[in-house]
């Protein structure tokens, strides 16, 4: 743009445009994506009006990070935080159907085949039927469920609908990423390759 003064806020620019503000070069904010193993009792918001600890407080960064979707305060496990709004939208928008996998400990002991079949075919909830879930019983009273929707407390409501309320719930995978080698409260920044796999999944 040379020495042109631009006052139009809608003007498209990129890294090669040589934009300066008050003499200083302006560059786009670098994008970050972090994986956090969310502990119980931590809320999945950027700030909380009730003074509870938030996921953003557990991931120090110079950027303003936001959680990608939500986990209930009492649900643990994998949650992503990023300043990449486009990626966050693609990962959470129902149209893209990015799978999320949970490990659910449920009441009632062994879950019978007919109840598992209901989860696989879709369960009627008060806000309409769910999409079919992938589900397997990994041990007595412990289910691994994969869903592609993100309704409020969906896994808990699905399990309650088949008569096996959840006592403990952990998200163990989001798209191609699995929760490994991170203790509760620990986090790490994703590699460029992992972020590319996330983009491909969405």
N, C-alpha and C. Protein backbone atom coordinates (compact mmCIF):
# COMPACT_ATOMS: atom_id res chain seq x y z
N UNK A 1 0.82 -1.20 0.00
CA UNK A 1 0.00 0.00 0.00
C UNK A 1 0.86 1.26 0.00
N UNK A 2 2.18 1.08 0.14
CA UNK A 2 3.06 2.24 0.11
C UNK A 2 2.75 3.17 1.27
N UNK A 3 2.67 4.46 0.97
CA UNK A 3 2.41 5.46 2.00
C UNK A 3 0.95 5.89 2.04
N UNK A 4 0.07 5.10 1.44
CA UNK A 4 -1.35 5.45 1.41
C UNK A 4 -1.94 5.39 2.82
N UNK A 5 -2.72 6.40 3.18
CA UNK A 5 -3.44 6.39 4.45
C UNK A 5 -4.81 5.77 4.22
N UNK A 6 -5.10 4.72 4.94
CA UNK A 6 -6.36 3.99 4.76
C UNK A 6 -7.24 4.21 5.98
N UNK A 7 -8.46 4.67 5.74
CA UNK A 7 -9.40 4.89 6.85
C UNK A 7 -10.59 3.94 6.78
N UNK A 8 -10.62 3.11 5.73
CA UNK A 8 -11.73 2.16 5.55
C UNK A 8 -11.46 0.92 6.40
N UNK A 9 -12.27 0.67 7.45
CA UNK A 9 -12.00 -0.49 8.31
C UNK A 9 -12.27 -1.82 7.62
N UNK A 10 -12.95 -1.80 6.47
CA UNK A 10 -13.25 -3.05 5.77
C UNK A 10 -12.18 -3.43 4.76
N UNK A 11 -11.14 -2.62 4.61
CA UNK A 11 -10.09 -2.91 3.64
C UNK A 11 -9.38 -4.21 4.02
N UNK A 12 -9.28 -5.13 3.08
CA UNK A 12 -8.60 -6.40 3.33
C UNK A 12 -7.09 -6.20 3.28
N UNK A 13 -6.41 -6.70 4.30
CA UNK A 13 -4.95 -6.67 4.32
C UNK A 13 -4.46 -8.03 4.79
N UNK A 14 -3.19 -8.32 4.50
CA UNK A 14 -2.57 -9.53 5.02
C UNK A 14 -1.15 -9.21 5.44
N UNK A 15 -0.37 -10.26 5.72
CA UNK A 15 0.98 -10.04 6.23
C UNK A 15 1.87 -9.29 5.24
N UNK A 16 1.54 -9.38 3.95
CA UNK A 16 2.40 -8.77 2.93
C UNK A 16 2.03 -7.32 2.62
N UNK A 17 0.99 -6.79 3.28
CA UNK A 17 0.49 -5.46 2.93
C UNK A 17 1.35 -4.33 3.49
N UNK A 18 2.23 -4.63 4.45
CA UNK A 18 3.09 -3.60 5.02
C UNK A 18 2.33 -2.55 5.80
N UNK A 19 1.29 -2.95 6.51
CA UNK A 19 0.48 -1.99 7.26
C UNK A 19 1.24 -1.53 8.51
N UNK A 20 1.20 -0.20 8.75
CA UNK A 20 1.84 0.36 9.95
C UNK A 20 0.82 1.24 10.66
N UNK A 21 0.92 1.26 11.99
CA UNK A 21 0.07 2.13 12.79
C UNK A 21 0.98 2.94 13.70
N UNK A 22 0.89 4.26 13.55
CA UNK A 22 1.80 5.15 14.29
C UNK A 22 3.26 4.75 14.09
N UNK A 23 3.57 4.32 12.88
CA UNK A 23 4.94 3.98 12.53
C UNK A 23 5.36 2.56 12.84
N UNK A 24 4.53 1.81 13.60
CA UNK A 24 4.89 0.43 13.96
C UNK A 24 4.17 -0.55 13.04
N UNK A 25 4.92 -1.57 12.60
CA UNK A 25 4.34 -2.60 11.73
C UNK A 25 3.23 -3.34 12.48
N UNK A 26 2.13 -3.58 11.76
CA UNK A 26 1.01 -4.32 12.32
C UNK A 26 1.02 -5.73 11.74
N UNK A 27 0.97 -6.72 12.60
CA UNK A 27 0.95 -8.12 12.15
C UNK A 27 -0.23 -8.83 12.78
N UNK A 28 -0.79 -9.82 12.09
CA UNK A 28 -1.91 -10.56 12.69
C UNK A 28 -1.45 -11.32 13.93
N UNK A 29 -2.36 -11.47 14.87
CA UNK A 29 -2.04 -12.21 16.09
C UNK A 29 -1.76 -13.66 15.74
N UNK A 30 -0.70 -14.22 16.31
CA UNK A 30 -0.42 -15.63 16.05
C UNK A 30 -1.49 -16.49 16.73
N UNK A 31 -1.84 -17.57 16.08
CA UNK A 31 -2.94 -18.41 16.55
C UNK A 31 -2.39 -19.55 17.39
N UNK A 32 -3.10 -19.85 18.47
CA UNK A 32 -2.69 -20.91 19.38
C UNK A 32 -3.87 -21.84 19.63
N UNK A 33 -3.56 -23.12 19.83
CA UNK A 33 -4.56 -24.08 20.29
C UNK A 33 -3.92 -24.91 21.40
N UNK A 34 -4.59 -25.00 22.52
CA UNK A 34 -4.08 -25.76 23.66
C UNK A 34 -5.07 -26.87 24.02
N UNK A 35 -4.53 -27.97 24.50
CA UNK A 35 -5.34 -29.06 25.04
C UNK A 35 -5.19 -29.05 26.56
N UNK A 36 -6.32 -29.11 27.25
CA UNK A 36 -6.33 -29.12 28.72
C UNK A 36 -7.09 -30.36 29.20
N UNK A 37 -6.56 -30.99 30.24
CA UNK A 37 -7.32 -32.03 30.94
C UNK A 37 -8.06 -31.33 32.08
N UNK A 38 -9.33 -31.02 31.83
CA UNK A 38 -10.11 -30.21 32.78
C UNK A 38 -10.44 -31.02 34.04
N UNK A 39 -10.09 -30.48 35.20
CA UNK A 39 -10.48 -31.16 36.44
C UNK A 39 -11.96 -30.88 36.76
N UNK A 40 -12.51 -31.66 37.66
CA UNK A 40 -13.88 -31.42 38.14
C UNK A 40 -13.93 -30.11 38.91
N UNK A 41 -15.07 -29.41 38.81
CA UNK A 41 -15.27 -28.18 39.54
C UNK A 41 -14.80 -26.93 38.82
N UNK A 42 -14.13 -27.09 37.68
CA UNK A 42 -13.66 -25.96 36.88
C UNK A 42 -14.68 -25.71 35.77
N UNK A 43 -15.03 -24.45 35.53
CA UNK A 43 -16.06 -24.15 34.53
C UNK A 43 -15.43 -23.82 33.18
N UNK A 44 -16.17 -24.16 32.12
CA UNK A 44 -15.66 -24.02 30.74
C UNK A 44 -16.06 -22.68 30.14
N UNK A 45 -15.69 -21.60 30.83
CA UNK A 45 -15.96 -20.27 30.32
C UNK A 45 -14.69 -19.43 30.47
N UNK A 46 -14.67 -18.29 29.81
CA UNK A 46 -13.51 -17.40 29.92
C UNK A 46 -13.49 -16.71 31.28
N UNK A 47 -14.69 -16.43 31.83
CA UNK A 47 -14.78 -15.84 33.18
C UNK A 47 -16.07 -16.34 33.83
N UNK A 48 -16.10 -16.28 35.16
CA UNK A 48 -17.27 -16.80 35.88
C UNK A 48 -17.76 -15.78 36.90
N UNK A 49 -19.04 -15.47 36.85
CA UNK A 49 -19.61 -14.46 37.75
C UNK A 49 -19.71 -14.96 39.19
N UNK A 50 -19.58 -16.27 39.41
CA UNK A 50 -19.69 -16.82 40.77
C UNK A 50 -18.32 -17.06 41.39
N UNK A 51 -17.27 -16.62 40.71
CA UNK A 51 -15.94 -16.73 41.29
C UNK A 51 -15.31 -18.11 41.22
N UNK A 52 -15.91 -19.02 40.43
CA UNK A 52 -15.32 -20.35 40.30
C UNK A 52 -14.11 -20.29 39.35
N UNK A 53 -13.22 -21.26 39.52
CA UNK A 53 -12.05 -21.32 38.64
C UNK A 53 -12.48 -21.67 37.23
N UNK A 54 -11.86 -21.03 36.23
CA UNK A 54 -12.22 -21.26 34.83
C UNK A 54 -11.07 -21.95 34.09
N UNK A 55 -11.42 -22.56 32.95
CA UNK A 55 -10.39 -23.25 32.15
C UNK A 55 -9.31 -22.29 31.67
N UNK A 56 -9.68 -21.03 31.40
CA UNK A 56 -8.67 -20.09 30.89
C UNK A 56 -7.64 -19.75 31.96
N UNK A 57 -8.00 -19.88 33.23
CA UNK A 57 -7.03 -19.63 34.30
C UNK A 57 -5.99 -20.73 34.40
N UNK A 58 -6.29 -21.89 33.83
CA UNK A 58 -5.37 -23.02 33.90
C UNK A 58 -4.39 -23.06 32.73
N UNK A 59 -4.62 -22.20 31.73
CA UNK A 59 -3.77 -22.19 30.53
C UNK A 59 -3.19 -20.79 30.33
N UNK A 60 -2.05 -20.51 30.93
CA UNK A 60 -1.47 -19.17 30.78
C UNK A 60 -1.02 -18.91 29.35
N UNK A 61 -1.37 -17.73 28.84
CA UNK A 61 -0.99 -17.35 27.47
C UNK A 61 -1.05 -15.84 27.36
N UNK A 62 -0.23 -15.31 26.46
CA UNK A 62 -0.29 -13.87 26.19
C UNK A 62 -1.51 -13.53 25.33
N UNK A 63 -2.14 -14.55 24.74
CA UNK A 63 -3.31 -14.36 23.90
C UNK A 63 -4.58 -14.49 24.73
N UNK A 64 -5.69 -13.95 24.19
CA UNK A 64 -7.00 -14.15 24.83
C UNK A 64 -7.58 -15.45 24.30
N UNK A 65 -7.52 -16.47 25.11
CA UNK A 65 -7.99 -17.79 24.71
C UNK A 65 -9.43 -18.00 25.14
N UNK A 66 -10.14 -18.78 24.36
CA UNK A 66 -11.53 -19.13 24.67
C UNK A 66 -11.69 -20.64 24.56
N UNK A 67 -12.53 -21.24 25.41
CA UNK A 67 -12.77 -22.68 25.28
C UNK A 67 -13.56 -22.99 24.01
N UNK A 68 -13.23 -24.13 23.41
CA UNK A 68 -13.94 -24.63 22.23
C UNK A 68 -15.07 -25.52 22.74
N UNK A 69 -16.29 -25.00 22.74
CA UNK A 69 -17.40 -25.74 23.31
C UNK A 69 -17.31 -25.74 24.83
N UNK A 70 -18.08 -26.61 25.46
CA UNK A 70 -18.12 -26.63 26.92
C UNK A 70 -18.16 -28.04 27.46
N UNK A 71 -17.66 -28.17 28.68
CA UNK A 71 -17.87 -29.35 29.49
C UNK A 71 -18.54 -28.87 30.78
N UNK A 72 -19.47 -29.65 31.31
CA UNK A 72 -20.09 -29.30 32.59
C UNK A 72 -19.00 -29.16 33.66
N UNK A 73 -19.30 -28.41 34.71
CA UNK A 73 -18.33 -28.24 35.78
C UNK A 73 -17.91 -29.58 36.38
N UNK A 74 -18.85 -30.53 36.46
CA UNK A 74 -18.53 -31.82 37.07
C UNK A 74 -18.02 -32.86 36.06
N UNK A 75 -17.90 -32.48 34.78
CA UNK A 75 -17.32 -33.37 33.78
C UNK A 75 -15.85 -33.02 33.60
N UNK A 76 -15.03 -34.06 33.50
CA UNK A 76 -13.58 -33.87 33.38
C UNK A 76 -13.13 -34.22 31.96
N UNK A 77 -11.85 -33.94 31.71
CA UNK A 77 -11.26 -34.43 30.47
C UNK A 77 -10.89 -33.37 29.45
N UNK A 78 -10.81 -33.79 28.21
CA UNK A 78 -10.20 -33.01 27.13
C UNK A 78 -11.08 -31.83 26.72
N UNK A 79 -10.50 -30.64 26.83
CA UNK A 79 -11.14 -29.44 26.28
C UNK A 79 -10.05 -28.64 25.58
N UNK A 80 -10.42 -28.02 24.47
CA UNK A 80 -9.48 -27.21 23.71
C UNK A 80 -9.71 -25.73 24.00
N UNK A 81 -8.63 -24.96 24.01
CA UNK A 81 -8.72 -23.51 24.14
C UNK A 81 -7.92 -22.88 23.00
N UNK A 82 -8.47 -21.82 22.41
CA UNK A 82 -7.81 -21.22 21.26
C UNK A 82 -8.19 -19.75 21.12
N UNK A 83 -7.43 -19.04 20.31
CA UNK A 83 -7.81 -17.69 19.88
C UNK A 83 -8.16 -17.69 18.40
N UNK A 84 -8.32 -18.88 17.83
CA UNK A 84 -8.67 -19.04 16.42
C UNK A 84 -10.19 -19.24 16.32
N UNK A 85 -10.92 -18.13 16.12
CA UNK A 85 -12.38 -18.19 16.12
C UNK A 85 -12.94 -19.04 15.00
N UNK A 86 -12.32 -19.00 13.83
CA UNK A 86 -12.81 -19.78 12.70
C UNK A 86 -12.70 -21.28 12.98
N UNK A 87 -11.56 -21.70 13.52
CA UNK A 87 -11.38 -23.12 13.85
C UNK A 87 -12.37 -23.54 14.94
N UNK A 88 -12.52 -22.71 15.96
CA UNK A 88 -13.43 -23.05 17.06
C UNK A 88 -14.86 -23.23 16.54
N UNK A 89 -15.27 -22.36 15.62
CA UNK A 89 -16.62 -22.45 15.07
C UNK A 89 -16.81 -23.74 14.27
N UNK A 90 -15.80 -24.09 13.48
CA UNK A 90 -15.91 -25.31 12.67
C UNK A 90 -15.94 -26.55 13.55
N UNK A 91 -15.20 -26.52 14.64
CA UNK A 91 -15.14 -27.69 15.52
C UNK A 91 -16.43 -27.89 16.30
N UNK A 92 -17.17 -26.82 16.55
CA UNK A 92 -18.38 -26.93 17.38
C UNK A 92 -19.67 -26.87 16.59
N UNK A 93 -19.64 -26.42 15.34
CA UNK A 93 -20.88 -26.29 14.56
C UNK A 93 -21.41 -27.67 14.20
N UNK A 94 -22.71 -27.93 14.46
CA UNK A 94 -23.28 -29.26 14.19
C UNK A 94 -23.11 -29.70 12.73
N UNK A 95 -23.05 -28.75 11.81
CA UNK A 95 -22.95 -29.10 10.38
C UNK A 95 -21.70 -29.92 10.09
N UNK A 96 -20.62 -29.67 10.85
CA UNK A 96 -19.36 -30.36 10.56
C UNK A 96 -19.26 -31.71 11.27
N UNK A 97 -20.07 -31.93 12.29
CA UNK A 97 -20.15 -33.24 12.94
C UNK A 97 -18.83 -33.79 13.44
N UNK A 98 -18.04 -32.95 14.10
CA UNK A 98 -16.76 -33.44 14.64
C UNK A 98 -17.05 -34.32 15.86
N UNK A 99 -16.58 -35.58 15.85
CA UNK A 99 -16.94 -36.49 16.94
C UNK A 99 -16.22 -36.17 18.24
N UNK A 100 -16.93 -36.44 19.35
CA UNK A 100 -16.36 -36.31 20.69
C UNK A 100 -16.63 -37.63 21.42
N UNK A 101 -15.62 -38.13 22.10
CA UNK A 101 -15.73 -39.44 22.76
C UNK A 101 -15.62 -39.27 24.27
N UNK A 102 -16.51 -39.95 24.99
CA UNK A 102 -16.60 -39.84 26.44
C UNK A 102 -16.51 -41.23 27.08
N UNK A 103 -15.98 -41.27 28.29
CA UNK A 103 -16.02 -42.46 29.11
C UNK A 103 -16.99 -42.18 30.24
N UNK A 104 -18.07 -42.96 30.30
CA UNK A 104 -19.14 -42.71 31.27
C UNK A 104 -19.27 -43.88 32.24
N UNK A 105 -19.09 -43.61 33.52
CA UNK A 105 -19.40 -44.60 34.56
C UNK A 105 -20.87 -44.40 34.92
N UNK A 106 -21.63 -45.48 34.86
CA UNK A 106 -23.07 -45.35 35.05
C UNK A 106 -23.58 -46.23 36.19
N UNK A 107 -24.74 -45.85 36.72
CA UNK A 107 -25.39 -46.64 37.76
C UNK A 107 -26.07 -47.86 37.13
N UNK A 108 -26.34 -48.84 37.99
CA UNK A 108 -27.14 -49.98 37.54
C UNK A 108 -26.34 -51.15 37.04
N UNK A 109 -25.03 -51.12 37.21
CA UNK A 109 -24.21 -52.27 36.80
C UNK A 109 -24.18 -52.47 35.30
N UNK A 110 -24.22 -53.72 34.90
CA UNK A 110 -24.10 -54.06 33.48
C UNK A 110 -25.24 -53.43 32.68
N UNK A 111 -24.89 -52.76 31.56
CA UNK A 111 -25.90 -52.16 30.69
C UNK A 111 -26.30 -53.19 29.64
N UNK A 112 -27.57 -53.60 29.60
CA UNK A 112 -27.98 -54.67 28.68
C UNK A 112 -27.94 -54.22 27.21
N UNK A 113 -27.91 -55.21 26.33
CA UNK A 113 -27.79 -54.95 24.89
C UNK A 113 -28.92 -54.06 24.37
N UNK A 114 -30.14 -54.25 24.88
CA UNK A 114 -31.27 -53.47 24.35
C UNK A 114 -31.10 -51.99 24.68
N UNK A 115 -30.47 -51.70 25.83
CA UNK A 115 -30.24 -50.30 26.21
C UNK A 115 -29.12 -49.70 25.35
N UNK A 116 -28.09 -50.48 25.09
CA UNK A 116 -27.01 -50.01 24.21
C UNK A 116 -27.55 -49.75 22.81
N UNK A 117 -28.47 -50.61 22.37
CA UNK A 117 -29.06 -50.45 21.03
C UNK A 117 -29.82 -49.13 20.94
N UNK A 118 -30.50 -48.75 22.02
CA UNK A 118 -31.22 -47.45 22.01
C UNK A 118 -30.25 -46.29 21.80
N UNK A 119 -29.10 -46.36 22.46
CA UNK A 119 -28.09 -45.30 22.28
C UNK A 119 -27.60 -45.27 20.83
N UNK A 120 -27.40 -46.47 20.26
CA UNK A 120 -26.88 -46.56 18.88
C UNK A 120 -27.90 -46.08 17.86
N UNK A 121 -29.18 -46.21 18.19
CA UNK A 121 -30.22 -45.84 17.23
C UNK A 121 -30.68 -44.39 17.41
N UNK A 122 -30.38 -43.81 18.58
CA UNK A 122 -30.84 -42.45 18.88
C UNK A 122 -31.87 -42.51 19.98
N UNK A 123 -31.73 -41.61 20.96
CA UNK A 123 -32.59 -41.59 22.14
C UNK A 123 -33.48 -40.35 22.07
N UNK A 124 -34.74 -40.53 22.45
CA UNK A 124 -35.67 -39.40 22.48
C UNK A 124 -35.43 -38.59 23.75
N UNK A 125 -35.05 -37.31 23.58
CA UNK A 125 -34.87 -36.40 24.71
C UNK A 125 -35.93 -35.32 24.65
N UNK A 126 -36.01 -34.47 25.67
CA UNK A 126 -37.06 -33.45 25.69
C UNK A 126 -36.88 -32.39 24.60
N UNK A 127 -35.67 -32.30 24.02
CA UNK A 127 -35.47 -31.36 22.91
C UNK A 127 -35.30 -32.09 21.58
N UNK A 128 -35.86 -33.31 21.50
CA UNK A 128 -35.86 -34.06 20.25
C UNK A 128 -34.92 -35.24 20.29
N UNK A 129 -35.00 -36.12 19.29
CA UNK A 129 -34.17 -37.32 19.27
C UNK A 129 -32.70 -36.99 19.00
N UNK A 130 -31.83 -37.78 19.60
CA UNK A 130 -30.40 -37.61 19.35
C UNK A 130 -30.02 -38.34 18.06
N UNK A 131 -28.90 -37.95 17.50
CA UNK A 131 -28.34 -38.73 16.41
C UNK A 131 -27.80 -40.04 16.98
N UNK A 132 -27.67 -41.07 16.15
CA UNK A 132 -27.09 -42.33 16.64
C UNK A 132 -25.70 -42.11 17.22
N UNK A 133 -25.41 -42.79 18.32
CA UNK A 133 -24.10 -42.71 18.96
C UNK A 133 -23.35 -44.02 18.73
N UNK A 134 -22.03 -43.93 18.67
CA UNK A 134 -21.21 -45.14 18.73
C UNK A 134 -21.05 -45.44 20.21
N UNK A 135 -21.26 -46.68 20.60
CA UNK A 135 -21.15 -47.00 22.03
C UNK A 135 -20.69 -48.43 22.20
N UNK A 136 -19.83 -48.61 23.20
CA UNK A 136 -19.45 -49.97 23.60
C UNK A 136 -19.26 -49.97 25.11
N UNK A 137 -19.54 -51.11 25.71
CA UNK A 137 -19.36 -51.25 27.15
C UNK A 137 -17.96 -51.81 27.38
N UNK A 138 -17.05 -50.98 27.88
CA UNK A 138 -15.66 -51.40 28.00
C UNK A 138 -15.45 -52.29 29.22
N UNK A 139 -16.29 -52.10 30.22
CA UNK A 139 -16.36 -53.01 31.36
C UNK A 139 -17.72 -52.80 32.01
N UNK A 140 -18.05 -53.63 32.96
CA UNK A 140 -19.38 -53.56 33.57
C UNK A 140 -19.67 -52.15 34.08
N UNK A 141 -20.72 -51.51 33.54
CA UNK A 141 -21.13 -50.18 34.00
C UNK A 141 -20.24 -49.05 33.53
N UNK A 142 -19.38 -49.30 32.54
CA UNK A 142 -18.53 -48.24 31.98
C UNK A 142 -18.71 -48.23 30.47
N UNK A 143 -19.22 -47.12 29.95
CA UNK A 143 -19.51 -47.00 28.53
C UNK A 143 -18.54 -46.02 27.86
N UNK A 144 -18.14 -46.37 26.64
CA UNK A 144 -17.42 -45.41 25.79
C UNK A 144 -18.41 -44.98 24.71
N UNK A 145 -18.75 -43.68 24.71
CA UNK A 145 -19.73 -43.15 23.76
C UNK A 145 -19.08 -42.10 22.88
N UNK A 146 -19.38 -42.16 21.60
CA UNK A 146 -18.94 -41.12 20.66
C UNK A 146 -20.17 -40.48 20.03
N UNK A 147 -20.28 -39.15 20.17
CA UNK A 147 -21.40 -38.42 19.60
C UNK A 147 -20.87 -37.30 18.71
N UNK A 148 -21.72 -36.81 17.82
CA UNK A 148 -21.33 -35.73 16.91
C UNK A 148 -22.16 -34.47 17.14
N UNK A 149 -22.98 -34.50 18.20
CA UNK A 149 -23.75 -33.31 18.58
C UNK A 149 -23.14 -32.74 19.85
N UNK A 150 -23.56 -31.55 20.22
CA UNK A 150 -23.03 -30.94 21.44
C UNK A 150 -24.12 -30.31 22.27
N UNK A 151 -25.22 -31.03 22.45
CA UNK A 151 -26.30 -30.47 23.26
C UNK A 151 -25.91 -30.42 24.73
N UNK A 152 -26.60 -29.58 25.47
CA UNK A 152 -26.29 -29.40 26.89
C UNK A 152 -26.48 -30.71 27.65
N UNK A 153 -25.42 -31.13 28.35
CA UNK A 153 -25.45 -32.34 29.19
C UNK A 153 -25.96 -33.55 28.42
N UNK A 154 -25.60 -33.64 27.15
CA UNK A 154 -26.22 -34.64 26.28
C UNK A 154 -25.93 -36.08 26.70
N UNK A 155 -24.67 -36.40 26.97
CA UNK A 155 -24.34 -37.78 27.33
C UNK A 155 -25.05 -38.17 28.63
N UNK A 156 -25.06 -37.28 29.59
CA UNK A 156 -25.75 -37.56 30.86
C UNK A 156 -27.24 -37.81 30.62
N UNK A 157 -27.84 -36.99 29.78
CA UNK A 157 -29.28 -37.13 29.52
C UNK A 157 -29.57 -38.41 28.73
N UNK A 158 -28.70 -38.77 27.82
CA UNK A 158 -28.89 -40.01 27.06
C UNK A 158 -28.83 -41.24 27.97
N UNK A 159 -27.85 -41.24 28.87
CA UNK A 159 -27.71 -42.40 29.76
C UNK A 159 -28.87 -42.46 30.75
N UNK A 160 -29.32 -41.31 31.20
CA UNK A 160 -30.47 -41.29 32.10
C UNK A 160 -31.71 -41.82 31.38
N UNK A 161 -31.84 -41.50 30.09
CA UNK A 161 -33.01 -41.93 29.32
C UNK A 161 -33.09 -43.45 29.18
N UNK A 162 -31.93 -44.13 29.25
CA UNK A 162 -31.95 -45.60 29.15
C UNK A 162 -31.92 -46.25 30.53
N UNK A 163 -32.06 -45.43 31.59
CA UNK A 163 -32.14 -45.97 32.94
C UNK A 163 -30.81 -46.22 33.62
N UNK A 164 -29.73 -45.61 33.12
CA UNK A 164 -28.41 -45.79 33.72
C UNK A 164 -27.74 -44.42 33.90
N UNK A 165 -28.15 -43.66 34.94
CA UNK A 165 -27.58 -42.33 35.15
C UNK A 165 -26.06 -42.35 35.31
N UNK A 166 -25.43 -41.30 34.84
CA UNK A 166 -23.97 -41.18 34.89
C UNK A 166 -23.53 -40.78 36.30
N UNK A 167 -22.49 -41.44 36.82
CA UNK A 167 -21.89 -41.05 38.09
C UNK A 167 -20.56 -40.33 37.88
N UNK A 168 -19.94 -40.58 36.74
CA UNK A 168 -18.64 -39.95 36.45
C UNK A 168 -18.49 -39.88 34.94
N UNK A 169 -18.06 -38.71 34.43
CA UNK A 169 -17.98 -38.53 32.98
C UNK A 169 -16.69 -37.81 32.61
N UNK A 170 -15.96 -38.40 31.66
CA UNK A 170 -14.70 -37.83 31.18
C UNK A 170 -14.69 -37.82 29.67
N UNK A 171 -14.34 -36.68 29.07
CA UNK A 171 -14.15 -36.66 27.61
C UNK A 171 -12.73 -37.11 27.32
N UNK A 172 -12.60 -38.14 26.50
CA UNK A 172 -11.28 -38.71 26.24
C UNK A 172 -10.78 -38.42 24.83
N UNK A 173 -11.65 -37.88 23.96
CA UNK A 173 -11.21 -37.56 22.60
C UNK A 173 -12.08 -36.46 22.01
N UNK A 174 -11.45 -35.64 21.16
CA UNK A 174 -12.14 -34.58 20.42
C UNK A 174 -11.60 -34.66 19.00
N UNK A 175 -12.46 -35.08 18.07
CA UNK A 175 -11.98 -35.29 16.70
C UNK A 175 -10.84 -36.29 16.71
N UNK A 176 -9.71 -35.97 16.06
CA UNK A 176 -8.59 -36.90 15.98
C UNK A 176 -7.69 -36.90 17.21
N UNK A 177 -7.97 -36.03 18.18
CA UNK A 177 -7.10 -35.90 19.35
C UNK A 177 -7.61 -36.73 20.51
N UNK A 178 -6.70 -37.44 21.16
CA UNK A 178 -7.07 -38.21 22.35
C UNK A 178 -6.34 -37.65 23.56
N UNK A 179 -6.95 -37.81 24.72
CA UNK A 179 -6.38 -37.32 25.97
C UNK A 179 -5.36 -38.34 26.46
N UNK A 180 -4.09 -38.02 26.31
CA UNK A 180 -3.04 -38.93 26.76
C UNK A 180 -1.95 -38.13 27.48
N UNK A 181 -1.41 -38.73 28.52
CA UNK A 181 -0.24 -38.19 29.23
C UNK A 181 -0.45 -36.77 29.79
N UNK A 182 -1.69 -36.44 30.11
CA UNK A 182 -1.95 -35.16 30.77
C UNK A 182 -2.73 -35.44 32.06
N UNK A 183 -2.14 -35.07 33.19
CA UNK A 183 -2.84 -35.22 34.47
C UNK A 183 -3.92 -34.15 34.57
N UNK A 184 -4.93 -34.35 35.41
CA UNK A 184 -5.95 -33.31 35.58
C UNK A 184 -5.32 -31.96 35.93
N UNK A 185 -5.73 -30.92 35.19
CA UNK A 185 -5.18 -29.58 35.40
C UNK A 185 -3.99 -29.27 34.51
N UNK A 186 -3.41 -30.29 33.89
CA UNK A 186 -2.27 -30.05 33.00
C UNK A 186 -2.75 -29.70 31.59
N UNK A 187 -1.89 -28.99 30.87
CA UNK A 187 -2.22 -28.60 29.50
C UNK A 187 -0.96 -28.64 28.66
N UNK A 188 -1.13 -28.62 27.35
CA UNK A 188 -0.01 -28.46 26.43
C UNK A 188 -0.51 -27.80 25.15
N UNK A 189 0.39 -27.12 24.48
CA UNK A 189 0.05 -26.48 23.22
C UNK A 189 0.11 -27.52 22.11
N UNK A 190 -0.86 -27.49 21.22
CA UNK A 190 -0.88 -28.44 20.11
C UNK A 190 0.20 -28.11 19.11
N UNK A 191 0.70 -29.14 18.45
CA UNK A 191 1.68 -28.96 17.38
C UNK A 191 0.96 -28.52 16.11
N UNK A 192 1.73 -28.01 15.16
CA UNK A 192 1.15 -27.61 13.88
C UNK A 192 0.48 -28.79 13.19
N UNK A 193 1.07 -29.97 13.31
CA UNK A 193 0.50 -31.16 12.68
C UNK A 193 -0.84 -31.52 13.32
N UNK A 194 -0.94 -31.40 14.64
CA UNK A 194 -2.21 -31.70 15.33
C UNK A 194 -3.29 -30.70 14.93
N UNK A 195 -2.91 -29.43 14.81
CA UNK A 195 -3.89 -28.42 14.40
C UNK A 195 -4.37 -28.69 12.98
N UNK A 196 -3.47 -29.14 12.13
CA UNK A 196 -3.86 -29.46 10.75
C UNK A 196 -4.82 -30.63 10.73
N UNK A 197 -4.60 -31.61 11.58
CA UNK A 197 -5.51 -32.76 11.67
C UNK A 197 -6.89 -32.31 12.15
N UNK A 198 -6.91 -31.36 13.10
CA UNK A 198 -8.19 -30.81 13.56
C UNK A 198 -8.93 -30.11 12.41
N UNK A 199 -8.19 -29.28 11.65
CA UNK A 199 -8.81 -28.59 10.52
C UNK A 199 -9.38 -29.58 9.52
N UNK A 200 -8.65 -30.65 9.27
CA UNK A 200 -9.12 -31.67 8.32
C UNK A 200 -10.38 -32.36 8.83
N UNK A 201 -10.46 -32.56 10.16
CA UNK A 201 -11.63 -33.22 10.75
C UNK A 201 -12.88 -32.36 10.62
N UNK A 202 -12.67 -31.03 10.57
CA UNK A 202 -13.81 -30.10 10.48
C UNK A 202 -14.06 -29.67 9.06
